[in-house]
N, C-alpha and C. Protein backbone atom coordinates (compact mmCIF):
# COMPACT_ATOMS: atom_id res chain seq x y z
N MET A 1 -12.42 0.96 -15.19
CA MET A 1 -11.24 1.01 -14.38
C MET A 1 -11.49 1.96 -13.20
N ALA A 2 -11.20 1.45 -12.01
CA ALA A 2 -11.41 2.26 -10.78
C ALA A 2 -10.34 3.36 -10.72
N SER A 3 -10.64 4.40 -9.95
CA SER A 3 -9.70 5.50 -9.84
C SER A 3 -8.59 5.07 -8.85
N THR A 4 -7.42 5.69 -9.00
CA THR A 4 -6.32 5.42 -8.09
C THR A 4 -6.38 6.38 -6.91
N LEU A 5 -5.87 5.90 -5.80
CA LEU A 5 -5.76 6.72 -4.60
C LEU A 5 -4.51 6.33 -3.83
N LYS A 6 -4.17 7.09 -2.86
CA LYS A 6 -2.97 6.80 -2.03
C LYS A 6 -3.28 5.60 -1.08
N LEU A 7 -2.27 4.80 -0.87
CA LEU A 7 -2.43 3.65 0.02
C LEU A 7 -2.89 4.13 1.43
N SER A 8 -2.38 5.31 1.83
CA SER A 8 -2.80 5.84 3.10
C SER A 8 -4.28 6.21 3.20
N GLN A 9 -4.98 6.33 2.05
CA GLN A 9 -6.39 6.69 2.01
C GLN A 9 -7.27 5.43 1.88
N LEU A 10 -6.68 4.25 1.70
CA LEU A 10 -7.46 3.03 1.50
C LEU A 10 -8.14 2.63 2.77
N PRO A 11 -9.43 2.25 2.70
CA PRO A 11 -10.15 1.81 3.92
C PRO A 11 -9.59 0.41 4.39
N VAL A 12 -9.57 0.24 5.70
CA VAL A 12 -9.10 -1.03 6.24
C VAL A 12 -9.90 -2.19 5.69
N GLY A 13 -9.22 -3.29 5.37
CA GLY A 13 -9.85 -4.46 4.81
C GLY A 13 -9.99 -4.50 3.30
N THR A 14 -9.61 -3.42 2.67
CA THR A 14 -9.75 -3.31 1.21
C THR A 14 -8.53 -3.89 0.48
N ARG A 15 -8.82 -4.69 -0.55
CA ARG A 15 -7.80 -5.21 -1.42
C ARG A 15 -7.59 -4.20 -2.53
N ALA A 16 -6.34 -4.11 -2.99
CA ALA A 16 -6.04 -3.18 -4.07
C ALA A 16 -4.80 -3.66 -4.84
N THR A 17 -4.61 -3.07 -5.99
CA THR A 17 -3.42 -3.39 -6.81
C THR A 17 -2.54 -2.15 -6.84
N VAL A 18 -1.25 -2.34 -6.59
CA VAL A 18 -0.29 -1.21 -6.65
C VAL A 18 -0.18 -0.71 -8.07
N ARG A 19 -0.29 0.54 -8.30
CA ARG A 19 -0.19 1.16 -9.64
C ARG A 19 1.06 2.01 -9.76
N GLY A 20 1.60 2.51 -8.64
CA GLY A 20 2.76 3.36 -8.73
C GLY A 20 3.33 3.72 -7.42
N PHE A 21 4.60 4.07 -7.34
CA PHE A 21 5.25 4.52 -6.15
C PHE A 21 6.46 5.34 -6.49
N PRO A 22 7.11 6.01 -5.57
CA PRO A 22 8.21 6.94 -5.93
C PRO A 22 9.29 6.18 -6.71
N GLY A 23 9.90 6.89 -7.66
CA GLY A 23 10.98 6.30 -8.47
C GLY A 23 12.32 6.39 -7.90
N GLN A 24 12.48 7.04 -6.77
CA GLN A 24 13.82 7.20 -6.19
C GLN A 24 13.69 7.52 -4.68
N GLY A 25 14.80 7.51 -3.99
CA GLY A 25 14.82 7.84 -2.58
C GLY A 25 14.67 6.61 -1.68
N PRO A 26 14.76 6.83 -0.39
CA PRO A 26 14.76 5.74 0.58
C PRO A 26 13.41 4.99 0.58
N ALA A 27 12.31 5.68 0.37
CA ALA A 27 11.02 5.01 0.33
C ALA A 27 10.98 4.04 -0.79
N PHE A 28 11.46 4.43 -1.98
CA PHE A 28 11.52 3.54 -3.14
C PHE A 28 12.28 2.28 -2.87
N LEU A 29 13.46 2.42 -2.28
CA LEU A 29 14.29 1.24 -2.03
C LEU A 29 13.62 0.30 -1.03
N ARG A 30 13.08 0.86 0.08
CA ARG A 30 12.44 0.02 1.05
C ARG A 30 11.26 -0.70 0.51
N LEU A 31 10.42 -0.02 -0.22
CA LEU A 31 9.23 -0.67 -0.84
C LEU A 31 9.60 -1.75 -1.83
N ARG A 32 10.59 -1.46 -2.67
CA ARG A 32 10.98 -2.50 -3.68
C ARG A 32 11.57 -3.70 -2.99
N GLU A 33 12.40 -3.48 -1.96
CA GLU A 33 13.05 -4.62 -1.28
C GLU A 33 12.02 -5.48 -0.55
N MET A 34 10.91 -4.88 -0.14
CA MET A 34 9.85 -5.61 0.55
C MET A 34 8.82 -6.24 -0.39
N GLY A 35 8.99 -6.06 -1.67
CA GLY A 35 8.11 -6.68 -2.64
C GLY A 35 6.88 -5.86 -3.06
N VAL A 36 6.85 -4.61 -2.67
CA VAL A 36 5.73 -3.75 -3.06
C VAL A 36 6.11 -3.10 -4.42
N LEU A 37 5.59 -3.69 -5.47
CA LEU A 37 5.90 -3.25 -6.83
C LEU A 37 4.60 -3.07 -7.63
N PRO A 38 4.64 -2.26 -8.68
CA PRO A 38 3.42 -2.10 -9.50
C PRO A 38 2.91 -3.42 -10.01
N GLY A 39 1.56 -3.59 -9.94
CA GLY A 39 0.91 -4.80 -10.36
C GLY A 39 0.69 -5.81 -9.28
N ILE A 40 1.29 -5.58 -8.10
CA ILE A 40 1.14 -6.54 -6.97
C ILE A 40 -0.14 -6.25 -6.22
N SER A 41 -0.83 -7.30 -5.84
CA SER A 41 -2.05 -7.14 -5.04
C SER A 41 -1.71 -7.06 -3.55
N ILE A 42 -2.34 -6.13 -2.84
CA ILE A 42 -2.17 -5.92 -1.41
C ILE A 42 -3.48 -5.77 -0.73
N THR A 43 -3.50 -5.98 0.57
CA THR A 43 -4.71 -5.71 1.41
C THR A 43 -4.27 -4.90 2.60
N LEU A 44 -5.02 -3.83 2.90
CA LEU A 44 -4.77 -3.03 4.08
C LEU A 44 -5.42 -3.79 5.25
N VAL A 45 -4.58 -4.36 6.13
CA VAL A 45 -5.05 -5.20 7.20
C VAL A 45 -5.55 -4.35 8.34
N ARG A 46 -4.77 -3.41 8.79
CA ARG A 46 -5.21 -2.51 9.92
C ARG A 46 -4.30 -1.27 9.98
N ALA A 47 -4.82 -0.31 10.71
CA ALA A 47 -4.12 0.93 10.98
C ALA A 47 -4.01 1.12 12.48
N ALA A 48 -2.95 1.67 12.92
CA ALA A 48 -2.80 2.00 14.39
C ALA A 48 -3.88 2.96 14.78
N PRO A 49 -4.20 3.04 16.07
CA PRO A 49 -5.30 3.91 16.54
C PRO A 49 -5.18 5.34 16.07
N LEU A 50 -3.95 5.88 15.91
CA LEU A 50 -3.81 7.25 15.41
C LEU A 50 -3.52 7.29 13.93
N GLY A 51 -3.62 6.15 13.26
CA GLY A 51 -3.46 6.10 11.80
C GLY A 51 -2.03 5.86 11.32
N ASP A 52 -1.08 5.72 12.21
CA ASP A 52 0.26 5.51 11.83
C ASP A 52 0.95 4.58 12.80
N PRO A 53 1.49 3.43 12.41
CA PRO A 53 1.66 2.94 11.06
C PRO A 53 0.52 2.16 10.52
N LEU A 54 0.68 1.69 9.24
CA LEU A 54 -0.33 0.88 8.57
C LEU A 54 0.25 -0.50 8.36
N GLU A 55 -0.60 -1.49 8.48
CA GLU A 55 -0.16 -2.87 8.24
C GLU A 55 -0.83 -3.37 6.96
N ILE A 56 -0.05 -3.83 5.99
CA ILE A 56 -0.59 -4.40 4.76
C ILE A 56 -0.18 -5.83 4.60
N GLN A 57 -0.95 -6.58 3.84
CA GLN A 57 -0.53 -7.95 3.50
C GLN A 57 -0.12 -7.90 2.03
N VAL A 58 1.08 -8.38 1.77
CA VAL A 58 1.64 -8.39 0.46
C VAL A 58 2.42 -9.66 0.23
N ARG A 59 2.18 -10.34 -0.85
CA ARG A 59 2.93 -11.55 -1.19
C ARG A 59 2.93 -12.58 -0.09
N GLY A 60 1.83 -12.71 0.66
CA GLY A 60 1.70 -13.73 1.68
C GLY A 60 2.24 -13.38 3.10
N TYR A 61 2.71 -12.16 3.27
CA TYR A 61 3.19 -11.80 4.63
C TYR A 61 2.69 -10.38 4.92
N ASN A 62 2.74 -10.06 6.22
CA ASN A 62 2.29 -8.74 6.63
C ASN A 62 3.48 -7.80 6.79
N LEU A 63 3.28 -6.59 6.34
CA LEU A 63 4.34 -5.55 6.30
C LEU A 63 3.78 -4.28 6.96
N THR A 64 4.55 -3.67 7.80
CA THR A 64 4.16 -2.41 8.42
C THR A 64 4.87 -1.26 7.72
N LEU A 65 4.08 -0.28 7.32
CA LEU A 65 4.60 0.91 6.65
C LEU A 65 4.24 2.16 7.41
N ARG A 66 5.12 3.11 7.40
CA ARG A 66 4.82 4.40 7.95
C ARG A 66 3.79 5.09 7.07
N LYS A 67 2.97 5.93 7.63
CA LYS A 67 1.99 6.64 6.81
C LYS A 67 2.65 7.49 5.76
N SER A 68 3.83 8.07 6.15
CA SER A 68 4.54 8.91 5.19
C SER A 68 5.00 8.11 4.00
N GLU A 69 5.32 6.83 4.18
CA GLU A 69 5.68 5.96 3.02
C GLU A 69 4.44 5.60 2.21
N ALA A 70 3.35 5.31 2.89
CA ALA A 70 2.12 4.92 2.22
C ALA A 70 1.55 6.10 1.40
N GLU A 71 1.88 7.32 1.74
CA GLU A 71 1.42 8.49 1.00
C GLU A 71 1.94 8.47 -0.43
N HIS A 72 3.01 7.82 -0.71
CA HIS A 72 3.68 7.80 -2.02
C HIS A 72 3.25 6.61 -2.88
N VAL A 73 2.51 5.72 -2.34
CA VAL A 73 2.10 4.50 -3.09
C VAL A 73 0.68 4.71 -3.64
N LEU A 74 0.55 4.64 -4.93
CA LEU A 74 -0.76 4.76 -5.60
C LEU A 74 -1.32 3.35 -5.82
N VAL A 75 -2.57 3.17 -5.43
CA VAL A 75 -3.25 1.90 -5.55
C VAL A 75 -4.59 2.04 -6.26
N GLU A 76 -5.04 0.94 -6.80
CA GLU A 76 -6.36 0.89 -7.44
C GLU A 76 -7.18 -0.14 -6.70
N PRO A 77 -8.21 0.22 -5.96
CA PRO A 77 -9.03 -0.76 -5.20
C PRO A 77 -9.61 -1.81 -6.10
N ALA A 78 -9.68 -3.05 -5.57
CA ALA A 78 -10.25 -4.13 -6.34
C ALA A 78 -11.75 -3.94 -6.50
N ASP A 79 -12.30 -4.41 -7.61
CA ASP A 79 -13.70 -4.27 -7.90
C ASP A 79 -14.59 -5.16 -7.13
N ASP A 80 -14.02 -6.27 -6.62
CA ASP A 80 -14.80 -7.30 -5.93
C ASP A 80 -14.97 -7.10 -4.43
N GLN A 81 -14.90 -5.86 -4.00
CA GLN A 81 -15.03 -5.57 -2.56
C GLN A 81 -16.47 -5.58 -2.18
């Protein structure tokens, strides 16, 4: 099993599986409403030139997250990279 890291630390182009995110607060609600849930596969598509925001692909669409939100999402990089 690969180690988990923050979504904000994931290299661009890497696929990963969401393993955890905050259990409460506005970040939790926004992520849940957008379909970012534990067990879901995501890909970090790109990061803005200064690193904020980040664009991820989740459930067939692209979603932009603030880096501060991505700090709370724990992911496990896919082994087939």
